[in-house]
Structure formats: C-alpha cells, structure tokens
N, C-alpha and C. Protein backbone atom coordinates (compact mmCIF):
# COMPACT_ATOMS: atom_id res chain seq x y z
N UNK A 1 100.04 83.61 91.96
CA UNK A 1 100.94 84.33 91.09
C UNK A 1 100.98 83.58 89.76
N UNK A 2 100.87 84.33 88.69
CA UNK A 2 100.90 83.75 87.36
C UNK A 2 102.03 84.36 86.55
N UNK A 3 102.62 83.52 85.72
CA UNK A 3 103.66 84.00 84.82
C UNK A 3 103.42 83.41 83.44
N UNK A 4 103.36 84.27 82.44
CA UNK A 4 103.36 83.83 81.06
C UNK A 4 104.79 84.02 80.59
N UNK A 5 105.41 82.90 80.19
CA UNK A 5 106.81 82.99 79.76
C UNK A 5 106.88 82.68 78.27
N UNK A 6 107.70 83.45 77.59
CA UNK A 6 107.90 83.27 76.16
C UNK A 6 109.40 83.18 75.88
N UNK A 7 109.78 82.11 75.19
CA UNK A 7 111.18 81.97 74.80
C UNK A 7 111.45 82.99 73.71
N UNK A 8 112.49 83.78 73.90
CA UNK A 8 112.74 84.91 72.99
C UNK A 8 114.16 84.89 72.43
N UNK A 9 114.25 85.15 71.13
CA UNK A 9 115.55 85.34 70.49
C UNK A 9 116.10 86.71 70.89
N UNK A 10 115.19 87.68 71.07
CA UNK A 10 115.53 89.01 71.56
C UNK A 10 114.24 89.68 72.01
N UNK A 11 114.37 90.67 72.87
CA UNK A 11 113.18 91.37 73.38
C UNK A 11 113.61 92.69 74.01
N UNK A 12 112.65 93.62 74.06
CA UNK A 12 112.92 94.90 74.72
C UNK A 12 111.62 95.48 75.23
N UNK A 13 111.75 96.42 76.16
CA UNK A 13 110.60 97.14 76.69
C UNK A 13 110.93 98.63 76.67
N UNK A 14 109.92 99.41 76.28
CA UNK A 14 110.06 100.86 76.18
C UNK A 14 109.00 101.51 77.04
N UNK A 15 109.39 102.54 77.77
CA UNK A 15 108.47 103.33 78.59
C UNK A 15 108.64 104.79 78.20
N UNK A 16 107.56 105.41 77.73
CA UNK A 16 107.62 106.82 77.34
C UNK A 16 108.65 107.11 76.29
N UNK A 17 108.86 106.17 75.37
CA UNK A 17 109.82 106.39 74.29
C UNK A 17 111.25 106.04 74.64
N UNK A 18 111.51 105.61 75.88
CA UNK A 18 112.86 105.26 76.32
C UNK A 18 112.94 103.77 76.61
N UNK A 19 113.91 103.11 76.02
CA UNK A 19 114.10 101.69 76.29
C UNK A 19 114.62 101.52 77.71
N UNK A 20 113.90 100.72 78.52
CA UNK A 20 114.30 100.50 79.91
C UNK A 20 114.93 99.13 80.12
N UNK A 21 114.77 98.24 79.15
CA UNK A 21 115.36 96.91 79.28
C UNK A 21 115.37 96.20 77.95
N UNK A 22 116.40 95.37 77.74
CA UNK A 22 116.49 94.58 76.51
C UNK A 22 117.33 93.34 76.80
N UNK A 23 116.98 92.23 76.12
CA UNK A 23 117.75 91.01 76.22
C UNK A 23 118.04 90.49 74.81
N UNK A 24 119.10 89.71 74.70
CA UNK A 24 119.46 89.13 73.41
C UNK A 24 118.94 87.70 73.26
N UNK A 25 118.82 86.96 74.36
CA UNK A 25 118.43 85.55 74.29
C UNK A 25 117.93 85.13 75.67
N UNK A 26 116.74 84.59 75.74
CA UNK A 26 116.25 84.14 77.03
C UNK A 26 114.74 84.07 77.08
N UNK A 27 114.17 84.61 78.16
CA UNK A 27 112.74 84.54 78.38
C UNK A 27 112.15 85.92 78.65
N UNK A 28 110.98 86.16 78.07
CA UNK A 28 110.16 87.30 78.46
C UNK A 28 109.14 86.74 79.45
N UNK A 29 109.04 87.38 80.60
CA UNK A 29 108.13 86.94 81.65
C UNK A 29 107.13 88.04 81.93
N UNK A 30 105.85 87.73 81.74
CA UNK A 30 104.76 88.62 82.14
C UNK A 30 104.26 88.08 83.46
N UNK A 31 104.39 88.87 84.53
CA UNK A 31 104.09 88.39 85.89
C UNK A 31 102.88 89.10 86.47
N UNK A 32 101.91 88.31 86.91
CA UNK A 32 100.72 88.84 87.57
C UNK A 32 100.67 88.38 89.02
N UNK A 33 100.23 89.27 89.89
CA UNK A 33 100.15 88.98 91.33
C UNK A 33 98.71 89.19 91.79
N UNK A 34 98.22 88.26 92.61
CA UNK A 34 96.89 88.39 93.19
C UNK A 34 97.00 88.60 94.70
N UNK A 35 95.88 88.84 95.35
CA UNK A 35 95.83 89.26 96.76
C UNK A 35 96.51 88.31 97.74
N UNK A 36 96.34 87.01 97.55
CA UNK A 36 96.86 86.07 98.55
C UNK A 36 98.25 85.52 98.20
N UNK A 37 98.91 86.10 97.22
CA UNK A 37 100.25 85.66 96.87
C UNK A 37 101.27 86.08 97.94
N UNK A 38 102.28 85.23 98.11
CA UNK A 38 103.33 85.47 99.09
C UNK A 38 104.69 85.24 98.43
N UNK A 39 105.73 85.44 99.22
CA UNK A 39 107.09 85.17 98.73
C UNK A 39 107.25 83.69 98.37
N UNK A 40 106.52 82.83 99.04
CA UNK A 40 106.56 81.39 98.73
C UNK A 40 106.10 81.14 97.29
N UNK A 41 105.11 81.90 96.84
CA UNK A 41 104.64 81.77 95.46
C UNK A 41 105.73 82.20 94.49
N UNK A 42 106.42 83.28 94.80
CA UNK A 42 107.51 83.74 93.95
C UNK A 42 108.65 82.72 93.94
N UNK A 43 108.97 82.16 95.11
CA UNK A 43 110.02 81.13 95.19
C UNK A 43 109.70 79.97 94.25
N UNK A 44 108.47 79.51 94.29
CA UNK A 44 108.04 78.39 93.45
C UNK A 44 108.20 78.73 91.97
N UNK A 45 107.67 79.90 91.57
CA UNK A 45 107.73 80.27 90.14
C UNK A 45 109.17 80.44 89.65
N UNK A 46 110.00 81.08 90.44
CA UNK A 46 111.39 81.29 90.02
C UNK A 46 112.11 79.96 89.87
N UNK A 47 111.91 79.05 90.82
CA UNK A 47 112.55 77.75 90.73
C UNK A 47 112.12 77.02 89.46
N UNK A 48 110.85 77.08 89.13
CA UNK A 48 110.35 76.48 87.89
C UNK A 48 110.97 77.17 86.68
N UNK A 49 110.93 78.47 86.70
CA UNK A 49 111.36 79.28 85.57
C UNK A 49 112.82 79.03 85.18
N UNK A 50 113.71 79.04 86.14
CA UNK A 50 115.14 78.93 85.82
C UNK A 50 115.56 77.51 85.46
N UNK A 51 114.76 76.51 85.86
CA UNK A 51 115.12 75.12 85.60
C UNK A 51 114.27 74.44 84.53
N UNK A 52 113.24 75.13 84.03
CA UNK A 52 112.36 74.55 83.02
C UNK A 52 113.14 74.30 81.73
N UNK A 53 113.10 73.08 81.25
CA UNK A 53 113.90 72.70 80.07
C UNK A 53 113.10 72.99 78.80
N UNK A 54 113.26 74.22 78.31
CA UNK A 54 112.51 74.65 77.12
C UNK A 54 113.42 75.26 76.04
N UNK A 55 114.73 75.07 76.20
CA UNK A 55 115.68 75.53 75.19
C UNK A 55 116.29 74.32 74.49
N UNK A 56 116.55 74.46 73.20
CA UNK A 56 117.02 73.34 72.39
C UNK A 56 118.45 72.94 72.72
N UNK A 57 118.66 71.61 72.68
CA UNK A 57 120.02 71.08 72.78
C UNK A 57 120.61 70.96 71.36
N UNK A 58 121.74 70.31 71.24
CA UNK A 58 122.41 70.19 69.94
C UNK A 58 121.61 69.36 68.93
N UNK A 59 120.60 68.61 69.41
CA UNK A 59 119.76 67.80 68.53
C UNK A 59 118.40 68.44 68.27
N UNK A 60 118.23 69.67 68.70
CA UNK A 60 116.96 70.36 68.48
C UNK A 60 115.85 69.95 69.44
N UNK A 61 116.18 69.25 70.52
CA UNK A 61 115.21 68.83 71.53
C UNK A 61 115.25 69.82 72.69
N UNK A 62 114.10 70.10 73.26
CA UNK A 62 114.04 71.03 74.39
C UNK A 62 114.52 70.31 75.65
N UNK A 63 115.83 70.36 75.87
CA UNK A 63 116.46 69.70 77.02
C UNK A 63 117.25 70.64 77.90
N UNK A 64 117.36 71.91 77.52
CA UNK A 64 118.18 72.85 78.28
C UNK A 64 117.32 73.89 78.99
N UNK A 65 117.79 74.29 80.15
CA UNK A 65 117.10 75.31 80.94
C UNK A 65 117.70 76.69 80.65
N UNK A 66 117.07 77.70 81.21
CA UNK A 66 117.57 79.07 81.11
C UNK A 66 119.00 79.16 81.63
N UNK A 67 119.26 78.48 82.74
CA UNK A 67 120.61 78.47 83.32
C UNK A 67 121.60 77.78 82.38
N UNK A 68 121.16 76.67 81.76
CA UNK A 68 122.05 75.92 80.86
C UNK A 68 122.51 76.74 79.67
N UNK A 69 121.63 77.61 79.16
CA UNK A 69 121.96 78.38 77.96
C UNK A 69 122.44 79.79 78.27
N UNK A 70 122.65 80.09 79.56
CA UNK A 70 123.08 81.43 79.99
C UNK A 70 122.15 82.50 79.43
N UNK A 71 120.84 82.23 79.49
CA UNK A 71 119.84 83.17 79.00
C UNK A 71 119.57 84.29 79.99
N UNK A 72 118.90 85.32 79.49
CA UNK A 72 118.52 86.46 80.30
C UNK A 72 117.00 86.47 80.46
N UNK A 73 116.51 87.33 81.33
CA UNK A 73 115.07 87.48 81.54
C UNK A 73 114.68 88.94 81.36
N UNK A 74 113.63 89.16 80.58
CA UNK A 74 112.97 90.47 80.52
C UNK A 74 111.67 90.30 81.30
N UNK A 75 111.59 90.92 82.46
CA UNK A 75 110.47 90.75 83.38
C UNK A 75 109.55 91.97 83.33
N UNK A 76 108.26 91.70 83.09
CA UNK A 76 107.27 92.76 82.95
C UNK A 76 106.12 92.51 83.91
N UNK A 77 105.78 93.48 84.74
CA UNK A 77 104.61 93.34 85.62
C UNK A 77 103.35 93.40 84.75
N UNK A 78 102.37 92.52 85.06
CA UNK A 78 101.22 92.39 84.18
C UNK A 78 99.96 92.07 84.99
N UNK A 79 99.35 93.11 85.57
CA UNK A 79 98.17 92.89 86.41
C UNK A 79 96.99 92.33 85.63
N UNK A 80 96.97 92.51 84.30
CA UNK A 80 95.84 92.04 83.50
C UNK A 80 95.77 90.52 83.42
N UNK A 81 96.80 89.80 83.90
CA UNK A 81 96.71 88.34 83.94
C UNK A 81 95.61 87.88 84.90
N UNK A 82 95.19 88.77 85.79
CA UNK A 82 94.11 88.44 86.73
C UNK A 82 92.79 89.09 86.33
N UNK A 83 92.61 89.33 85.05
CA UNK A 83 91.34 89.88 84.56
C UNK A 83 90.23 88.85 84.70
N UNK A 84 89.08 89.31 85.14
CA UNK A 84 87.88 88.47 85.22
C UNK A 84 86.97 88.93 84.09
N UNK A 85 86.69 88.01 83.16
CA UNK A 85 85.89 88.36 81.98
C UNK A 85 84.56 87.62 81.96
N UNK A 86 84.13 87.10 83.11
CA UNK A 86 82.91 86.31 83.16
C UNK A 86 81.66 87.11 82.83
N UNK A 87 81.61 88.35 83.30
CA UNK A 87 80.41 89.16 83.09
C UNK A 87 80.72 90.35 82.20
N UNK A 88 79.82 90.63 81.30
CA UNK A 88 79.94 91.82 80.46
C UNK A 88 81.10 91.75 79.49
N UNK A 89 81.46 92.92 78.99
CA UNK A 89 82.51 93.01 77.98
C UNK A 89 83.76 93.75 78.48
N UNK A 90 83.65 94.36 79.65
CA UNK A 90 84.80 95.07 80.22
C UNK A 90 85.41 94.20 81.32
N UNK A 91 86.69 93.83 81.19
CA UNK A 91 87.32 93.01 82.23
C UNK A 91 87.32 93.70 83.59
N UNK A 92 87.19 92.89 84.63
CA UNK A 92 87.27 93.35 86.00
C UNK A 92 88.63 92.92 86.54
N UNK A 93 89.35 93.84 87.16
CA UNK A 93 90.71 93.55 87.65
C UNK A 93 90.78 93.46 89.17
N UNK A 94 89.66 93.19 89.81
CA UNK A 94 89.63 93.12 91.28
C UNK A 94 90.47 91.97 91.83
N UNK A 95 90.77 90.96 91.02
CA UNK A 95 91.57 89.83 91.48
C UNK A 95 93.07 90.15 91.50
N UNK A 96 93.45 91.24 90.87
CA UNK A 96 94.87 91.64 90.90
C UNK A 96 95.18 92.27 92.26
N UNK A 97 96.38 92.03 92.74
CA UNK A 97 96.81 92.60 94.02
C UNK A 97 96.90 94.12 93.92
N UNK A 98 96.77 94.78 95.05
CA UNK A 98 96.96 96.23 95.12
C UNK A 98 98.41 96.55 94.72
N UNK A 99 98.64 97.73 94.14
CA UNK A 99 99.97 98.06 93.62
C UNK A 99 101.13 97.88 94.61
N UNK A 100 100.97 98.28 95.87
CA UNK A 100 102.08 98.15 96.82
C UNK A 100 102.50 96.70 97.01
N UNK A 101 101.51 95.83 97.22
CA UNK A 101 101.79 94.41 97.41
C UNK A 101 102.35 93.80 96.12
N UNK A 102 101.74 94.12 95.00
CA UNK A 102 102.19 93.56 93.72
C UNK A 102 103.63 93.98 93.40
N UNK A 103 103.95 95.23 93.61
CA UNK A 103 105.30 95.72 93.31
C UNK A 103 106.33 95.06 94.22
N UNK A 104 106.00 94.91 95.49
CA UNK A 104 106.92 94.27 96.42
C UNK A 104 107.24 92.84 95.97
N UNK A 105 106.22 92.08 95.59
CA UNK A 105 106.44 90.71 95.14
C UNK A 105 107.11 90.66 93.77
N UNK A 106 106.80 91.60 92.90
CA UNK A 106 107.46 91.68 91.59
C UNK A 106 108.96 91.94 91.78
N UNK A 107 109.32 92.87 92.65
CA UNK A 107 110.74 93.16 92.91
C UNK A 107 111.43 91.95 93.52
N UNK A 108 110.76 91.29 94.45
CA UNK A 108 111.30 90.08 95.08
C UNK A 108 111.54 88.99 94.03
N UNK A 109 110.57 88.78 93.15
CA UNK A 109 110.66 87.80 92.06
C UNK A 109 111.91 88.07 91.22
N UNK A 110 112.12 89.32 90.84
CA UNK A 110 113.28 89.69 90.03
C UNK A 110 114.59 89.48 90.78
N UNK A 111 114.61 89.79 92.07
CA UNK A 111 115.82 89.56 92.88
C UNK A 111 116.16 88.08 92.97
N UNK A 112 115.13 87.25 93.10
CA UNK A 112 115.37 85.80 93.16
C UNK A 112 116.00 85.29 91.88
N UNK A 113 115.51 85.76 90.75
CA UNK A 113 116.08 85.35 89.47
C UNK A 113 117.55 85.75 89.41
N UNK A 114 117.84 86.97 89.81
CA UNK A 114 119.22 87.46 89.79
C UNK A 114 120.12 86.63 90.71
N UNK A 115 119.57 86.12 91.80
CA UNK A 115 120.35 85.28 92.71
C UNK A 115 120.78 83.96 92.07
N UNK A 116 120.16 83.61 90.96
CA UNK A 116 120.54 82.42 90.19
C UNK A 116 121.58 82.77 89.12
N UNK A 117 122.19 83.95 89.24
CA UNK A 117 123.19 84.44 88.27
C UNK A 117 122.61 84.59 86.88
N UNK A 118 121.37 85.04 86.81
CA UNK A 118 120.70 85.32 85.55
C UNK A 118 120.46 86.81 85.47
N UNK A 119 120.86 87.42 84.36
CA UNK A 119 120.64 88.85 84.18
C UNK A 119 119.15 89.11 83.98
N UNK A 120 118.63 90.08 84.73
CA UNK A 120 117.22 90.43 84.67
C UNK A 120 117.10 91.90 84.24
N UNK A 121 116.32 92.12 83.20
CA UNK A 121 115.98 93.46 82.75
C UNK A 121 114.48 93.64 83.00
N UNK A 122 114.05 94.87 83.23
CA UNK A 122 112.65 95.10 83.56
C UNK A 122 112.08 96.32 82.84
N UNK A 123 110.78 96.38 82.89
CA UNK A 123 110.08 97.60 82.52
C UNK A 123 109.99 98.46 83.77
N UNK A 124 108.94 99.28 83.86
CA UNK A 124 108.71 100.09 85.04
C UNK A 124 107.33 99.76 85.59
N UNK A 125 107.29 99.31 86.81
CA UNK A 125 106.05 98.89 87.44
C UNK A 125 105.01 100.02 87.37
N UNK A 126 103.81 99.66 86.96
CA UNK A 126 102.70 100.61 86.95
C UNK A 126 102.67 101.57 85.78
N UNK A 127 103.63 101.47 84.88
CA UNK A 127 103.69 102.38 83.74
C UNK A 127 103.15 101.71 82.48
N UNK A 128 102.73 102.51 81.52
CA UNK A 128 102.35 102.02 80.20
C UNK A 128 103.64 101.64 79.48
N UNK A 129 103.70 100.39 79.01
CA UNK A 129 104.92 99.90 78.39
C UNK A 129 104.63 99.32 77.00
N UNK A 130 105.61 99.39 76.14
CA UNK A 130 105.56 98.71 74.86
C UNK A 130 106.62 97.62 74.91
N UNK A 131 106.16 96.38 74.74
CA UNK A 131 107.05 95.23 74.79
C UNK A 131 107.19 94.65 73.39
N UNK A 132 108.42 94.48 72.96
CA UNK A 132 108.71 93.90 71.65
C UNK A 132 109.52 92.64 71.87
N UNK A 133 109.15 91.56 71.15
CA UNK A 133 109.94 90.35 71.26
C UNK A 133 109.88 89.54 69.98
N UNK A 134 110.90 88.75 69.79
CA UNK A 134 110.91 87.75 68.74
C UNK A 134 110.78 86.42 69.46
N UNK A 135 109.56 85.87 69.43
CA UNK A 135 109.28 84.62 70.13
C UNK A 135 109.93 83.49 69.35
N UNK A 136 110.79 82.75 70.00
CA UNK A 136 111.55 81.68 69.37
C UNK A 136 110.81 80.37 69.52
N UNK A 137 110.39 79.81 68.42
CA UNK A 137 109.69 78.52 68.44
C UNK A 137 108.43 78.53 67.60
N UNK A 138 107.39 79.17 68.00
CA UNK A 138 107.19 79.90 69.24
C UNK A 138 107.01 78.96 70.44
N UNK A 139 107.52 79.40 71.58
CA UNK A 139 107.32 78.68 72.83
C UNK A 139 106.73 79.66 73.83
N UNK A 140 105.52 79.36 74.29
CA UNK A 140 104.84 80.17 75.30
C UNK A 140 104.23 79.23 76.33
N UNK A 141 104.55 79.45 77.61
CA UNK A 141 104.09 78.57 78.68
C UNK A 141 103.53 79.42 79.81
N UNK A 142 102.47 78.92 80.42
CA UNK A 142 101.87 79.60 81.57
C UNK A 142 102.23 78.83 82.84
N UNK A 143 102.79 79.53 83.80
CA UNK A 143 103.09 78.96 85.12
C UNK A 143 102.17 79.63 86.13
N UNK A 144 101.65 78.83 87.07
CA UNK A 144 100.75 79.35 88.09
C UNK A 144 101.15 78.77 89.44
N UNK A 145 101.40 79.61 90.43
CA UNK A 145 101.82 79.11 91.73
C UNK A 145 100.72 78.30 92.42
N UNK A 146 99.49 78.38 91.95
CA UNK A 146 98.43 77.53 92.50
C UNK A 146 98.68 76.06 92.16
N UNK A 147 99.58 75.80 91.22
CA UNK A 147 99.88 74.42 90.81
C UNK A 147 100.94 73.76 91.70
N UNK A 148 101.48 74.50 92.67
CA UNK A 148 102.55 73.92 93.49
C UNK A 148 102.06 72.83 94.42
C-alpha cells in the first residue's frame, strides 16, 4: 500500500461538477492498493500518517503531527500509484489491486483515520475526480507499507 501525502493549507475534490469533500488544514492523501495488501498494511500507514511530525511548531520547525494540529484528511483513492512504466510509453496498471479489494481497504483506511478523532473527507472510489489543493511548504512525502 502506498500513500502520497501532501501538507495542505486547504484542499477539495470534485466529482462530476459536485464537491464531495473539502478540508481547511491538514493532509491530502493519495492512496494506492496492490494485490497483496492487507488490513495490516493500512494499520501501518495510518499509524505513520497521524503521528508523522510534519507540521510547524511555534518556531517554524516540523515538530507537530496531524493530531497535534487538529488537522483533517482529504483521502483520494489512486490506483495509478502502482503504474508500471518499464516498457513502452503506456503505463501498465496490473500491479494495482482489483476494485473490490482496493475499495474495501480504502474504506478501512479511512475508518482507521476517523478512529483517531481526525475528520476524513473523500472523493468517490472509481470515479474521475478533480483534486485541488494548496500545498503548504511544499511538503510531500511518500509512505509505503513495504517499509514496515
């Protein structure tokens, strides 16, 4: 399971012209799921995500976590994180999990975040989405459950 996280001053997602989620301060998370991912992978990523110290303290040092700053999460499913670009010019997405498995783990991931008393907003799984964000910093970090 991979997550690209971006510290955001604000962010929103729109599906078919309708805003389905927006946050004022927190993290935008693009989450990709592969075939052998399990709930254990989601547990690992969520624990990292909510405790990662990437928000500024009163001295401008990144010493605060998402929980410390009462931030929110805008969570977006992103199967293209498992694109294979080794051959040719068209990415191959065979490493991405099938939609049923991916959606189940994506929903579980979001529920885990909410269990940490963090507000979670989402797009719509499997839909074409437009994501807008103001990346603060900019701070962008890649988390991979293979690193556990």
